[in-house]
PDB file of N, CA and C in Angstrom:
ATOM      1  N   MET A   1     110.952 120.806  90.425  1.00  0.00           N
ATOM      2  CA  MET A   1     112.005 120.093  89.721  1.00  0.00           C
ATOM      3  C   MET A   1     112.082 118.671  90.280  1.00  0.00           C
ATOM      4  N   THR A   2     112.144 117.706  89.414  1.00  0.00           N
ATOM      5  CA  THR A   2     112.208 116.301  89.799  1.00  0.00           C
ATOM      6  C   THR A   2     113.647 115.869  90.027  1.00  0.00           C
ATOM      7  N   VAL A   3     113.867 115.111  91.076  1.00  0.00           N
ATOM      8  CA  VAL A   3     115.202 114.594  91.384  1.00  0.00           C
ATOM      9  C   VAL A   3     115.428 113.317  90.591  1.00  0.00           C
ATOM     10  N   ARG A   4     116.570 113.219  89.897  1.00  0.00           N
ATOM     11  CA  ARG A   4     116.911 111.996  89.165  1.00  0.00           C
ATOM     12  C   ARG A   4     117.239 110.882  90.136  1.00  0.00           C
ATOM     13  N   GLU A   5     117.059 109.648  89.702  1.00  0.00           N
ATOM     14  CA  GLU A   5     117.331 108.476  90.540  1.00  0.00           C
ATOM     15  C   GLU A   5     118.808 108.403  90.919  1.00  0.00           C
ATOM     16  N   CYS A   6     119.097 107.590  91.920  1.00  0.00           N
ATOM     17  CA  CYS A   6     120.471 107.414  92.397  1.00  0.00           C
ATOM     18  C   CYS A   6     121.310 106.741  91.307  1.00  0.00           C
ATOM     19  N   PRO A   7     122.495 107.277  91.006  1.00  0.00           N
ATOM     20  CA  PRO A   7     123.337 106.666  89.971  1.00  0.00           C
ATOM     21  C   PRO A   7     123.994 105.370  90.429  1.00  0.00           C
ATOM     22  N   PHE A   8     123.986 105.090  91.714  1.00  0.00           N
ATOM     23  CA  PHE A   8     124.653 103.904  92.232  1.00  0.00           C
ATOM     24  C   PHE A   8     123.719 102.707  92.365  1.00  0.00           C
ATOM     25  N   CYS A   9     122.501 102.951  92.878  1.00  0.00           N
ATOM     26  CA  CYS A   9     121.588 101.822  93.097  1.00  0.00           C
ATOM     27  C   CYS A   9     120.292 101.951  92.303  1.00  0.00           C
ATOM     28  N   GLY A  10     120.050 103.107  91.681  1.00  0.00           N
ATOM     29  CA  GLY A  10     118.858 103.292  90.871  1.00  0.00           C
ATOM     30  C   GLY A  10     117.603 103.640  91.658  1.00  0.00           C
ATOM     31  N   SER A  11     117.728 103.822  92.949  1.00  0.00           N
ATOM     32  CA  SER A  11     116.564 104.102  93.790  1.00  0.00           C
ATOM     33  C   SER A  11     116.025 105.509  93.549  1.00  0.00           C
ATOM     34  N   PRO A  12     114.701 105.659  93.558  1.00  0.00           N
ATOM     35  CA  PRO A  12     114.098 106.989  93.469  1.00  0.00           C
ATOM     36  C   PRO A  12     113.892 107.613  94.856  1.00  0.00           C
ATOM     37  N   ARG A  13     114.275 106.888  95.923  1.00  0.00           N
ATOM     38  CA  ARG A  13     114.075 107.364  97.295  1.00  0.00           C
ATOM     39  C   ARG A  13     115.205 108.302  97.696  1.00  0.00           C
ATOM     40  N   LEU A  14     115.062 109.576  97.380  1.00  0.00           N
ATOM     41  CA  LEU A  14     116.067 110.590  97.652  1.00  0.00           C
ATOM     42  C   LEU A  14     115.449 111.708  98.470  1.00  0.00           C
ATOM     43  N   GLU A  15     116.255 112.346  99.300  1.00  0.00           N
ATOM     44  CA  GLU A  15     115.754 113.499 100.040  1.00  0.00           C
ATOM     45  C   GLU A  15     116.857 114.520 100.244  1.00  0.00           C
ATOM     46  N   VAL A  16     116.455 115.747 100.470  1.00  0.00           N
ATOM     47  CA  VAL A  16     117.391 116.834 100.741  1.00  0.00           C
ATOM     48  C   VAL A  16     117.722 116.797 102.223  1.00  0.00           C
ATOM     49  N   VAL A  17     119.022 116.801 102.539  1.00  0.00           N
ATOM     50  CA  VAL A  17     119.473 116.755 103.932  1.00  0.00           C
ATOM     51  C   VAL A  17     120.467 117.886 104.193  1.00  0.00           C
ATOM     52  N   PRO A  18     120.531 118.368 105.433  1.00  0.00           N
ATOM     53  CA  PRO A  18     121.513 119.398 105.768  1.00  0.00           C
ATOM     54  C   PRO A  18     122.918 118.798 105.866  1.00  0.00           C
ATOM     55  N   ALA A  19     123.927 119.604 105.560  1.00  0.00           N
ATOM     56  CA  ALA A  19     125.323 119.176 105.652  1.00  0.00           C
ATOM     57  C   ALA A  19     126.178 120.397 105.964  1.00  0.00           C
ATOM     58  N   LEU A  20     127.393 120.153 106.427  1.00  0.00           N
ATOM     59  CA  LEU A  20     128.339 121.242 106.658  1.00  0.00           C
ATOM     60  C   LEU A  20     129.338 121.294 105.511  1.00  0.00           C
ATOM     61  N   CYS A  21     129.538 122.482 104.976  1.00  0.00           N
ATOM     62  CA  CYS A  21     130.501 122.705 103.901  1.00  0.00           C
ATOM     63  C   CYS A  21     131.298 123.945 104.277  1.00  0.00           C
ATOM     64  N   MET A  22     132.544 123.741 104.677  1.00  0.00           N
ATOM     65  CA  MET A  22     133.406 124.853 105.081  1.00  0.00           C
ATOM     66  C   MET A  22     132.742 125.666 106.193  1.00  0.00           C
ATOM     67  N   ASP A  23     132.264 124.959 107.213  1.00  0.00           N
ATOM     68  CA  ASP A  23     131.624 125.549 108.395  1.00  0.00           C
ATOM     69  C   ASP A  23     130.330 126.294 108.084  1.00  0.00           C
ATOM     70  N   LYS A  24     129.703 125.991 106.975  1.00  0.00           N
ATOM     71  CA  LYS A  24     128.443 126.624 106.593  1.00  0.00           C
ATOM     72  C   LYS A  24     127.392 125.535 106.407  1.00  0.00           C
ATOM     73  N   LEU A  25     126.193 125.742 106.935  1.00  0.00           N
ATOM     74  CA  LEU A  25     125.112 124.780 106.774  1.00  0.00           C
ATOM     75  C   LEU A  25     124.565 124.873 105.359  1.00  0.00           C
ATOM     76  N   VAL A  26     124.602 123.762 104.627  1.00  0.00           N
ATOM     77  CA  VAL A  26     124.152 123.708 103.238  1.00  0.00           C
ATOM     78  C   VAL A  26     123.210 122.517 103.066  1.00  0.00           C
ATOM     79  N   LYS A  27     122.743 122.295 101.842  1.00  0.00           N
ATOM     80  CA  LYS A  27     121.835 121.187 101.523  1.00  0.00           C
ATOM     81  C   LYS A  27     122.501 120.245 100.548  1.00  0.00           C
ATOM     82  N   ARG A  28     122.217 118.948 100.716  1.00  0.00           N
ATOM     83  CA  ARG A  28     122.684 117.909  99.791  1.00  0.00           C
ATOM     84  C   ARG A  28     121.551 116.927  99.552  1.00  0.00           C
ATOM     85  N   ILE A  29     121.690 116.152  98.492  1.00  0.00           N
ATOM     86  CA  ILE A  29     120.756 115.069  98.225  1.00  0.00           C
ATOM     87  C   ILE A  29     121.361 113.787  98.788  1.00  0.00           C
ATOM     88  N   ARG A  30     120.532 112.977  99.462  1.00  0.00           N
ATOM     89  CA  ARG A  30     120.984 111.685  99.987  1.00  0.00           C
ATOM     90  C   ARG A  30     120.034 110.603  99.502  1.00  0.00           C
ATOM     91  N   CYS A  31     120.613 109.490  99.029  1.00  0.00           N
ATOM     92  CA  CYS A  31     119.827 108.316  98.657  1.00  0.00           C
ATOM     93  C   CYS A  31     119.479 107.570  99.932  1.00  0.00           C
ATOM     94  N   MET A  32     118.197 107.345 100.161  1.00  0.00           N
ATOM     95  CA  MET A  32     117.763 106.668 101.373  1.00  0.00           C
ATOM     96  C   MET A  32     117.934 105.157 101.280  1.00  0.00           C
ATOM     97  N   ALA A  33     118.237 104.648 100.082  1.00  0.00           N
ATOM     98  CA  ALA A  33     118.443 103.212  99.899  1.00  0.00           C
ATOM     99  C   ALA A  33     119.899 102.805 100.141  1.00  0.00           C
ATOM    100  N   CYS A  34     120.856 103.530  99.521  1.00  0.00           N
ATOM    101  CA  CYS A  34     122.261 103.119  99.635  1.00  0.00           C
ATOM    102  C   CYS A  34     123.128 104.115 100.396  1.00  0.00           C
ATOM    103  N   GLY A  35     122.596 105.305 100.693  1.00  0.00           N
ATOM    104  CA  GLY A  35     123.348 106.284 101.475  1.00  0.00           C
ATOM    105  C   GLY A  35     124.240 107.207 100.672  1.00  0.00           C
ATOM    106  N   ALA A  36     124.224 107.101  99.344  1.00  0.00           N
ATOM    107  CA  ALA A  36     125.039 107.993  98.523  1.00  0.00           C
ATOM    108  C   ALA A  36     124.601 109.436  98.753  1.00  0.00           C
ATOM    109  N   GLU A  37     125.559 110.359  98.760  1.00  0.00           N
ATOM    110  CA  GLU A  37     125.276 111.784  98.942  1.00  0.00           C
ATOM    111  C   GLU A  37     126.016 112.576  97.891  1.00  0.00           C
ATOM    112  N   GLY A  38     125.527 113.756  97.637  1.00  0.00           N
ATOM    113  CA  GLY A  38     126.300 114.586  96.730  1.00  0.00           C
ATOM    114  C   GLY A  38     125.502 115.741  96.205  1.00  0.00           C
ATOM    115  N   PRO A  39     126.109 116.465  95.316  1.00  0.00           N
ATOM    116  CA  PRO A  39     127.538 116.413  95.026  1.00  0.00           C
ATOM    117  C   PRO A  39     128.347 117.094  96.115  1.00  0.00           C
ATOM    118  N   VAL A  40     129.539 116.611  96.338  1.00  0.00           N
ATOM    119  CA  VAL A  40     130.380 117.150  97.409  1.00  0.00           C
ATOM    120  C   VAL A  40     131.111 118.420  96.988  1.00  0.00           C
ATOM    121  N   ASN A  41     131.186 118.690  95.694  1.00  0.00           N
ATOM    122  CA  ASN A  41     131.943 119.854  95.239  1.00  0.00           C
ATOM    123  C   ASN A  41     131.083 121.103  95.060  1.00  0.00           C
ATOM    124  N   PHE A  42     129.813 121.033  95.428  1.00  0.00           N
ATOM    125  CA  PHE A  42     128.935 122.194  95.357  1.00  0.00           C
ATOM    126  C   PHE A  42     128.320 122.447  96.725  1.00  0.00           C
ATOM    127  N   CYS A  43     128.239 123.681  97.133  1.00  0.00           N
ATOM    128  CA  CYS A  43     127.562 124.061  98.368  1.00  0.00           C
ATOM    129  C   CYS A  43     126.229 124.674  97.986  1.00  0.00           C
ATOM    130  N   SER A  44     125.145 123.986  98.277  1.00  0.00           N
ATOM    131  CA  SER A  44     123.811 124.410  97.886  1.00  0.00           C
ATOM    132  C   SER A  44     123.093 125.008  99.085  1.00  0.00           C
ATOM    133  N   GLU A  45     122.661 126.251  98.966  1.00  0.00           N
ATOM    134  CA  GLU A  45     121.995 126.913 100.076  1.00  0.00           C
ATOM    135  C   GLU A  45     120.498 126.647 100.110  1.00  0.00           C
ATOM    136  N   THR A  46     119.919 126.168  99.004  1.00  0.00           N
ATOM    137  CA  THR A  46     118.486 125.902  98.956  1.00  0.00           C
ATOM    138  C   THR A  46     118.223 124.476  98.475  1.00  0.00           C
ATOM    139  N   ASP A  47     117.015 123.983  98.750  1.00  0.00           N
ATOM    140  CA  ASP A  47     116.628 122.656  98.273  1.00  0.00           C
ATOM    141  C   ASP A  47     116.676 122.605  96.744  1.00  0.00           C
ATOM    142  N   HIS A  48     116.171 123.654  96.104  1.00  0.00           N
ATOM    143  CA  HIS A  48     116.135 123.702  94.646  1.00  0.00           C
ATOM    144  C   HIS A  48     117.545 123.587  94.059  1.00  0.00           C
ATOM    145  N   LYS A  49     118.500 124.306  94.635  1.00  0.00           N
ATOM    146  CA  LYS A  49     119.879 124.266  94.139  1.00  0.00           C
ATOM    147  C   LYS A  49     120.505 122.894  94.371  1.00  0.00           C
ATOM    148  N   ALA A  50     120.185 122.258  95.489  1.00  0.00           N
ATOM    149  CA  ALA A  50     120.703 120.909  95.755  1.00  0.00           C
ATOM    150  C   ALA A  50     120.211 119.921  94.707  1.00  0.00           C
ATOM    151  N   VAL A  51     118.932 120.003  94.360  1.00  0.00           N
ATOM    152  CA  VAL A  51     118.362 119.126  93.329  1.00  0.00           C
ATOM    153  C   VAL A  51     118.999 119.423  91.980  1.00  0.00           C
ATOM    154  N   GLN A  52     119.159 120.694  91.660  1.00  0.00           N
ATOM    155  CA  GLN A  52     119.771 121.098  90.399  1.00  0.00           C
ATOM    156  C   GLN A  52     121.195 120.546  90.280  1.00  0.00           C
ATOM    157  N   ASN A  53     121.985 120.646  91.335  1.00  0.00           N
ATOM    158  CA  ASN A  53     123.364 120.137  91.313  1.00  0.00           C
ATOM    159  C   ASN A  53     123.394 118.613  91.204  1.00  0.00           C
ATOM    160  N   TRP A  54     122.500 117.932  91.905  1.00  0.00           N
ATOM    161  CA  TRP A  54     122.426 116.463  91.839  1.00  0.00           C
ATOM    162  C   TRP A  54     122.088 116.029  90.416  1.00  0.00           C
ATOM    163  N   ASN A  55     121.132 116.689  89.801  1.00  0.00           N
ATOM    164  CA  ASN A  55     120.686 116.320  88.457  1.00  0.00           C
ATOM    165  C   ASN A  55     121.715 116.643  87.385  1.00  0.00           C
ATOM    166  N   ARG A  56     122.681 117.479  87.680  1.00  0.00           N
ATOM    167  CA  ARG A  56     123.670 117.914  86.695  1.00  0.00           C
ATOM    168  C   ARG A  56     124.766 116.874  86.443  1.00  0.00           C
ATOM    169  N   ARG A  57     124.794 115.819  87.195  1.00  0.00           N
ATOM    170  CA  ARG A  57     125.868 114.826  87.053  1.00  0.00           C
ATOM    171  C   ARG A  57     125.877 114.186  85.664  1.00  0.00           C
ATOM    172  N   SER A  58     127.010 113.625  85.319  1.00  0.00           N
ATOM    173  CA  SER A  58     127.151 112.950  84.029  1.00  0.00           C
ATOM    174  C   SER A  58     126.462 111.601  84.070  1.00  0.00           C
ATOM    175  N   GLU A  59     126.049 111.140  82.913  1.00  0.00           N
ATOM    176  CA  GLU A  59     125.463 109.812  82.808  1.00  0.00           C
ATOM    177  C   GLU A  59     126.585 108.777  82.909  1.00  0.00           C
ATOM    178  N   PHE A  60     126.287 107.653  83.549  1.00  0.00           N
ATOM    179  CA  PHE A  60     127.248 106.565  83.606  1.00  0.00           C
ATOM    180  C   PHE A  60     127.216 105.794  82.290  1.00  0.00           C
ATOM    181  N   ARG A  61     128.392 105.312  81.899  1.00  0.00           N
ATOM    182  CA  ARG A  61     128.472 104.457  80.731  1.00  0.00           C
ATOM    183  C   ARG A  61     129.192 103.185  81.142  1.00  0.00           C
ATOM    184  N   THR A  62     128.847 102.088  80.515  1.00  0.00           N
ATOM    185  CA  THR A  62     129.551 100.850  80.809  1.00  0.00           C
ATOM    186  C   THR A  62     130.912 100.878  80.144  1.00  0.00           C
ATOM    187  N   TYR A  63     131.808 100.000  80.572  1.00  0.00           N
ATOM    188  CA  TYR A  63     133.149  99.981  79.997  1.00  0.00           C
ATOM    189  C   TYR A  63     133.100  99.644  78.501  1.00  0.00           C
ATOM    190  N   MET A  64     132.051  98.951  78.041  1.00  0.00           N
ATOM    191  CA  MET A  64     131.946  98.592  76.627  1.00  0.00           C
ATOM    192  C   MET A  64     131.568  99.808  75.770  1.00  0.00           C
ATOM    193  N   GLU A  65     130.985 100.843  76.396  1.00  0.00           N
ATOM    194  CA  GLU A  65     130.591 102.037  75.660  1.00  0.00           C
ATOM    195  C   GLU A  65     131.716 103.065  75.564  1.00  0.00           C
ATOM    196  N   LEU A  66     132.779 102.878  76.325  1.00  0.00           N
ATOM    197  CA  LEU A  66     133.880 103.838  76.321  1.00  0.00           C
ATOM    198  C   LEU A  66     134.685 103.720  75.040  1.00  0.00           C
ATOM    199  N   PRO A  67     135.245 104.842  74.564  1.00  0.00           N
ATOM    200  CA  PRO A  67     136.033 104.806  73.315  1.00  0.00           C
ATOM    201  C   PRO A  67     137.298 104.012  73.451  1.00  0.00           C
TER     202      PRO A  67
END
Protein backbone atom coordinates (compact mmCIF):
# COMPACT_ATOMS: atom_id res chain seq x y z
CA MET A 1 0.00 0.00 0.00
CA THR A 2 1.36 3.41 -0.97
CA VAL A 3 1.43 6.22 1.58
CA ARG A 4 -0.19 9.47 0.41
CA GLU A 5 1.88 12.65 0.55
CA CYS A 6 1.82 14.95 3.58
CA PRO A 7 -1.31 17.15 3.59
CA PHE A 8 0.61 20.03 5.17
CA CYS A 9 3.78 20.33 3.09
CA GLY A 10 3.19 17.90 0.21
CA SER A 11 6.33 15.88 0.93
CA PRO A 12 6.43 12.20 -0.05
CA ARG A 13 9.08 11.58 2.67
CA LEU A 14 6.99 9.68 5.22
CA GLU A 15 7.81 6.81 7.53
CA VAL A 16 6.12 4.62 10.11
CA VAL A 17 7.27 5.45 13.65
CA PRO A 18 6.44 3.98 17.06
CA ALA A 19 4.25 6.00 19.44
CA LEU A 20 2.46 5.56 22.76
CA CYS A 21 -1.33 5.51 22.76
CA MET A 22 -2.95 4.93 26.14
CA ASP A 23 0.22 3.23 27.44
CA LYS A 24 0.34 0.90 24.43
CA LEU A 25 3.08 0.91 21.78
CA VAL A 26 1.47 1.65 18.40
CA LYS A 27 2.50 2.88 14.92
CA ARG A 28 1.98 6.28 13.30
CA ILE A 29 3.02 7.96 10.08
CA ARG A 30 5.44 10.90 10.41
CA CYS A 31 6.40 13.39 7.70
CA MET A 32 10.18 13.65 7.69
CA ALA A 33 10.02 17.11 6.08
CA CYS A 34 7.66 19.03 8.40
CA GLY A 35 7.18 16.65 11.35
CA ALA A 36 3.42 16.18 10.97
CA GLU A 37 2.17 12.94 12.57
CA GLY A 38 -1.08 11.14 12.59
CA PRO A 39 -3.71 10.25 12.81
CA VAL A 40 -3.89 10.79 16.55
CA ASN A 41 -7.39 9.33 16.92
CA PHE A 42 -6.44 5.84 15.72
CA CYS A 43 -4.17 3.33 17.44
CA SER A 44 -2.49 1.26 14.73
CA GLU A 45 -0.79 -1.95 15.78
CA THR A 46 0.80 -2.66 12.38
CA ASP A 47 2.59 -0.66 9.69
CA HIS A 48 -0.15 -1.55 7.21
CA LYS A 49 -2.89 -0.21 9.51
CA ALA A 50 -0.93 3.00 10.14
CA VAL A 51 -0.68 3.62 6.39
CA GLN A 52 -4.36 2.78 5.92
CA ASN A 53 -5.40 5.27 8.64
CA TRP A 54 -3.10 8.00 7.25
CA ASN A 55 -4.50 7.54 3.74
CA ARG A 56 -8.10 7.70 5.00
CA ARG A 57 -7.95 11.43 5.77
CA SER A 58 -10.18 13.91 3.98
CA GLU A 59 -8.92 15.94 1.07
CA PHE A 60 -8.15 19.57 1.81
CA ARG A 61 -10.15 22.21 0.01
CA THR A 62 -9.36 25.88 -0.32
CA TYR A 63 -11.70 28.42 1.25
CA MET A 64 -12.93 29.31 -2.28
CA GLU A 65 -14.15 25.72 -2.79
CA LEU A 66 -16.24 25.66 0.40
CA PRO A 67 -20.02 26.06 0.07
